[in-house]
Amino acid sequence: MLRQRPEDQPLPQANGLPYVHDLVKNDVQKRLELGISRYGQGLQPFNGRSALQDVYEELLDAACYVRQKLYEERKAAGLPEEEC
């Protein structure tokens, strides 16, 4: 039996939509295909790049995209500038 603490979000409800893991699996396959078509190979270890630097830069980009979306949604909801 699942135990919930009062501060937890509600348990997820089944809804007949696809599993997110399957969506991610499909996205990974597409990224592999893109890498092969663009670079002639998929991502491999010891490829001459810093994976840590690459992921850090990608996370910075992701944070910017999230902040953009938050700003747009808050602005569209009519919130004052300091709350956007």
N, C-alpha and C. Protein backbone atom coordinates (compact mmCIF):
# COMPACT_ATOMS: atom_id res chain seq x y z
N MET A 1 0.84 -1.18 0.00
CA MET A 1 0.00 0.00 0.00
C MET A 1 0.89 1.25 0.00
N LEU A 2 0.52 2.22 -0.80
CA LEU A 2 1.27 3.46 -0.87
C LEU A 2 0.94 4.34 0.32
N ARG A 3 1.97 4.96 0.84
CA ARG A 3 1.79 5.88 1.97
C ARG A 3 2.06 7.29 1.50
N GLN A 4 1.20 8.19 1.90
CA GLN A 4 1.38 9.57 1.53
C GLN A 4 1.55 10.43 2.76
N ARG A 5 2.44 11.38 2.65
CA ARG A 5 2.60 12.38 3.68
C ARG A 5 1.67 13.54 3.34
N PRO A 6 1.26 14.30 4.32
CA PRO A 6 0.33 15.41 4.04
C PRO A 6 0.84 16.40 2.99
N GLU A 7 2.17 16.59 2.92
CA GLU A 7 2.71 17.57 1.97
C GLU A 7 2.91 17.01 0.56
N ASP A 8 2.67 15.72 0.36
CA ASP A 8 2.82 15.12 -0.96
C ASP A 8 1.74 15.58 -1.93
N GLN A 9 2.09 15.57 -3.20
CA GLN A 9 1.08 15.79 -4.24
C GLN A 9 0.13 14.60 -4.26
N PRO A 10 -1.06 14.76 -4.83
CA PRO A 10 -1.95 13.61 -4.95
C PRO A 10 -1.33 12.51 -5.81
N LEU A 11 -1.74 11.28 -5.59
CA LEU A 11 -1.25 10.18 -6.42
C LEU A 11 -1.73 10.38 -7.85
N PRO A 12 -0.92 9.96 -8.84
CA PRO A 12 -1.33 10.11 -10.23
C PRO A 12 -2.54 9.23 -10.54
N GLN A 13 -3.34 9.72 -11.45
CA GLN A 13 -4.54 8.98 -11.85
C GLN A 13 -4.35 8.45 -13.27
N ALA A 14 -4.69 7.19 -13.47
CA ALA A 14 -4.63 6.60 -14.81
C ALA A 14 -5.63 7.31 -15.71
N ASN A 15 -5.26 7.51 -16.98
CA ASN A 15 -6.16 8.26 -17.86
C ASN A 15 -6.21 7.77 -19.30
N GLY A 16 -5.55 6.66 -19.61
CA GLY A 16 -5.61 6.12 -20.96
C GLY A 16 -4.66 6.78 -21.96
N LEU A 17 -3.91 7.78 -21.53
CA LEU A 17 -2.94 8.42 -22.41
C LEU A 17 -1.64 7.61 -22.42
N PRO A 18 -0.74 7.90 -23.37
CA PRO A 18 0.49 7.11 -23.44
C PRO A 18 1.36 7.28 -22.19
N TYR A 19 2.16 6.27 -21.90
CA TYR A 19 3.15 6.37 -20.82
C TYR A 19 4.24 7.34 -21.26
N VAL A 20 4.64 8.21 -20.37
CA VAL A 20 5.68 9.18 -20.68
C VAL A 20 6.99 8.46 -21.02
N HIS A 21 7.26 7.34 -20.37
CA HIS A 21 8.49 6.59 -20.68
C HIS A 21 8.52 6.18 -22.15
N ASP A 22 7.37 5.80 -22.70
CA ASP A 22 7.33 5.44 -24.12
C ASP A 22 7.57 6.65 -25.00
N LEU A 23 7.04 7.81 -24.60
CA LEU A 23 7.29 9.04 -25.35
C LEU A 23 8.78 9.37 -25.35
N VAL A 24 9.41 9.24 -24.18
CA VAL A 24 10.85 9.52 -24.06
C VAL A 24 11.65 8.52 -24.89
N LYS A 25 11.27 7.26 -24.83
CA LYS A 25 11.97 6.23 -25.62
C LYS A 25 11.92 6.58 -27.12
N ASN A 26 10.77 7.03 -27.59
CA ASN A 26 10.65 7.42 -28.99
C ASN A 26 11.51 8.64 -29.30
N ASP A 27 11.54 9.60 -28.37
CA ASP A 27 12.37 10.79 -28.56
C ASP A 27 13.85 10.43 -28.61
N VAL A 28 14.28 9.51 -27.77
CA VAL A 28 15.68 9.07 -27.77
C VAL A 28 16.02 8.42 -29.10
N GLN A 29 15.13 7.61 -29.62
CA GLN A 29 15.36 6.97 -30.92
C GLN A 29 15.50 8.03 -32.02
N LYS A 30 14.64 9.03 -31.98
CA LYS A 30 14.72 10.10 -32.98
C LYS A 30 16.02 10.88 -32.85
N ARG A 31 16.48 11.13 -31.61
CA ARG A 31 17.74 11.84 -31.41
C ARG A 31 18.92 11.01 -31.95
N LEU A 32 18.87 9.69 -31.74
CA LEU A 32 19.91 8.82 -32.27
C LEU A 32 19.94 8.92 -33.80
N GLU A 33 18.77 8.85 -34.41
CA GLU A 33 18.70 8.94 -35.87
C GLU A 33 19.21 10.30 -36.36
N LEU A 34 18.87 11.37 -35.64
CA LEU A 34 19.36 12.69 -36.01
C LEU A 34 20.88 12.77 -35.90
N GLY A 35 21.43 12.23 -34.80
CA GLY A 35 22.87 12.23 -34.61
C GLY A 35 23.59 11.47 -35.71
N ILE A 36 23.05 10.35 -36.09
CA ILE A 36 23.66 9.54 -37.16
C ILE A 36 23.60 10.29 -38.49
N SER A 37 22.45 10.92 -38.77
CA SER A 37 22.35 11.64 -40.05
C SER A 37 23.22 12.91 -40.04
N ARG A 38 23.35 13.56 -38.89
CA ARG A 38 24.09 14.82 -38.82
C ARG A 38 25.59 14.58 -38.68
N TYR A 39 25.99 13.62 -37.84
CA TYR A 39 27.41 13.42 -37.52
C TYR A 39 27.99 12.11 -38.04
N GLY A 40 27.14 11.27 -38.61
CA GLY A 40 27.61 9.99 -39.13
C GLY A 40 27.72 8.91 -38.07
N GLN A 41 27.30 9.22 -36.84
CA GLN A 41 27.36 8.24 -35.75
C GLN A 41 26.48 8.73 -34.59
N GLY A 42 26.15 7.81 -33.71
CA GLY A 42 25.45 8.17 -32.50
C GLY A 42 26.44 8.64 -31.44
N LEU A 43 25.93 9.10 -30.33
CA LEU A 43 26.78 9.56 -29.24
C LEU A 43 27.53 8.38 -28.62
N GLN A 44 28.82 8.54 -28.46
CA GLN A 44 29.67 7.50 -27.90
C GLN A 44 30.54 8.07 -26.79
N PRO A 45 30.95 7.24 -25.82
CA PRO A 45 31.87 7.72 -24.80
C PRO A 45 33.25 7.98 -25.40
N PHE A 46 34.05 8.77 -24.69
CA PHE A 46 35.41 9.11 -25.12
C PHE A 46 35.42 9.67 -26.54
N ASN A 47 34.50 10.61 -26.81
CA ASN A 47 34.38 11.18 -28.15
C ASN A 47 35.12 12.50 -28.31
N GLY A 48 35.94 12.86 -27.31
CA GLY A 48 36.71 14.08 -27.40
C GLY A 48 36.02 15.30 -26.82
N ARG A 49 34.80 15.14 -26.32
CA ARG A 49 34.06 16.25 -25.73
C ARG A 49 33.85 15.99 -24.25
N SER A 50 33.56 17.04 -23.52
CA SER A 50 33.22 16.90 -22.10
C SER A 50 31.72 16.75 -21.97
N ALA A 51 31.27 15.56 -21.61
CA ALA A 51 29.83 15.32 -21.42
C ALA A 51 29.29 16.22 -20.31
N LEU A 52 30.09 16.44 -19.27
CA LEU A 52 29.65 17.29 -18.17
C LEU A 52 29.43 18.73 -18.64
N GLN A 53 30.32 19.25 -19.45
CA GLN A 53 30.15 20.61 -19.99
C GLN A 53 28.94 20.67 -20.91
N ASP A 54 28.77 19.64 -21.75
CA ASP A 54 27.62 19.61 -22.65
C ASP A 54 26.30 19.62 -21.88
N VAL A 55 26.19 18.78 -20.86
CA VAL A 55 24.93 18.71 -20.11
C VAL A 55 24.70 19.99 -19.32
N TYR A 56 25.75 20.59 -18.78
CA TYR A 56 25.61 21.85 -18.06
C TYR A 56 25.06 22.93 -18.98
N GLU A 57 25.60 23.04 -20.18
CA GLU A 57 25.11 24.04 -21.13
C GLU A 57 23.68 23.76 -21.55
N GLU A 58 23.34 22.49 -21.73
CA GLU A 58 21.96 22.13 -22.08
C GLU A 58 21.00 22.47 -20.94
N LEU A 59 21.43 22.24 -19.69
CA LEU A 59 20.58 22.57 -18.54
C LEU A 59 20.38 24.08 -18.42
N LEU A 60 21.41 24.85 -18.71
CA LEU A 60 21.25 26.31 -18.72
C LEU A 60 20.22 26.72 -19.76
N ASP A 61 20.30 26.13 -20.95
CA ASP A 61 19.31 26.42 -21.99
C ASP A 61 17.91 26.02 -21.52
N ALA A 62 17.80 24.83 -20.91
CA ALA A 62 16.50 24.36 -20.44
C ALA A 62 15.92 25.30 -19.39
N ALA A 63 16.76 25.77 -18.47
CA ALA A 63 16.29 26.72 -17.45
C ALA A 63 15.76 27.99 -18.11
N CYS A 64 16.41 28.45 -19.15
CA CYS A 64 15.94 29.64 -19.86
C CYS A 64 14.59 29.39 -20.54
N TYR A 65 14.43 28.22 -21.14
CA TYR A 65 13.15 27.91 -21.79
C TYR A 65 12.02 27.84 -20.76
N VAL A 66 12.30 27.23 -19.60
CA VAL A 66 11.29 27.14 -18.55
C VAL A 66 10.93 28.53 -18.05
N ARG A 67 11.95 29.38 -17.83
CA ARG A 67 11.68 30.74 -17.35
C ARG A 67 10.89 31.54 -18.37
N GLN A 68 11.20 31.35 -19.64
CA GLN A 68 10.44 32.02 -20.71
C GLN A 68 8.97 31.64 -20.63
N LYS A 69 8.70 30.34 -20.50
CA LYS A 69 7.32 29.86 -20.46
C LYS A 69 6.60 30.37 -19.22
N LEU A 70 7.28 30.38 -18.07
CA LEU A 70 6.68 30.92 -16.86
C LEU A 70 6.32 32.39 -17.04
N TYR A 71 7.25 33.15 -17.59
CA TYR A 71 7.00 34.57 -17.81
C TYR A 71 5.79 34.77 -18.73
N GLU A 72 5.77 34.03 -19.85
CA GLU A 72 4.68 34.17 -20.82
C GLU A 72 3.33 33.83 -20.19
N GLU A 73 3.28 32.73 -19.43
CA GLU A 73 2.01 32.33 -18.81
C GLU A 73 1.56 33.33 -17.76
N ARG A 74 2.49 33.83 -16.96
CA ARG A 74 2.13 34.80 -15.92
C ARG A 74 1.71 36.13 -16.53
N LYS A 75 2.41 36.54 -17.58
CA LYS A 75 2.06 37.78 -18.26
C LYS A 75 0.68 37.65 -18.91
N ALA A 76 0.41 36.50 -19.54
CA ALA A 76 -0.88 36.27 -20.15
C ALA A 76 -2.01 36.25 -19.12
N ALA A 77 -1.68 35.84 -17.87
CA ALA A 77 -2.68 35.81 -16.80
C ALA A 77 -2.88 37.19 -16.18
N GLY A 78 -2.12 38.19 -16.67
CA GLY A 78 -2.29 39.55 -16.20
C GLY A 78 -1.61 39.86 -14.88
N LEU A 79 -0.64 39.05 -14.50
CA LEU A 79 0.08 39.32 -13.26
C LEU A 79 1.01 40.52 -13.43
N PRO A 80 1.26 41.27 -12.35
CA PRO A 80 2.19 42.39 -12.45
C PRO A 80 3.60 41.93 -12.79
N GLU A 81 4.37 42.83 -13.38
CA GLU A 81 5.72 42.51 -13.85
C GLU A 81 6.57 41.82 -12.79
N GLU A 82 6.53 42.28 -11.54
CA GLU A 82 7.38 41.69 -10.49
C GLU A 82 6.97 40.25 -10.16
N GLU A 83 5.79 39.81 -10.58
CA GLU A 83 5.37 38.43 -10.32
C GLU A 83 5.54 37.55 -11.54
N CYS A 84 6.06 38.10 -12.61
CA CYS A 84 6.25 37.32 -13.84
C CYS A 84 7.55 36.65 -13.84
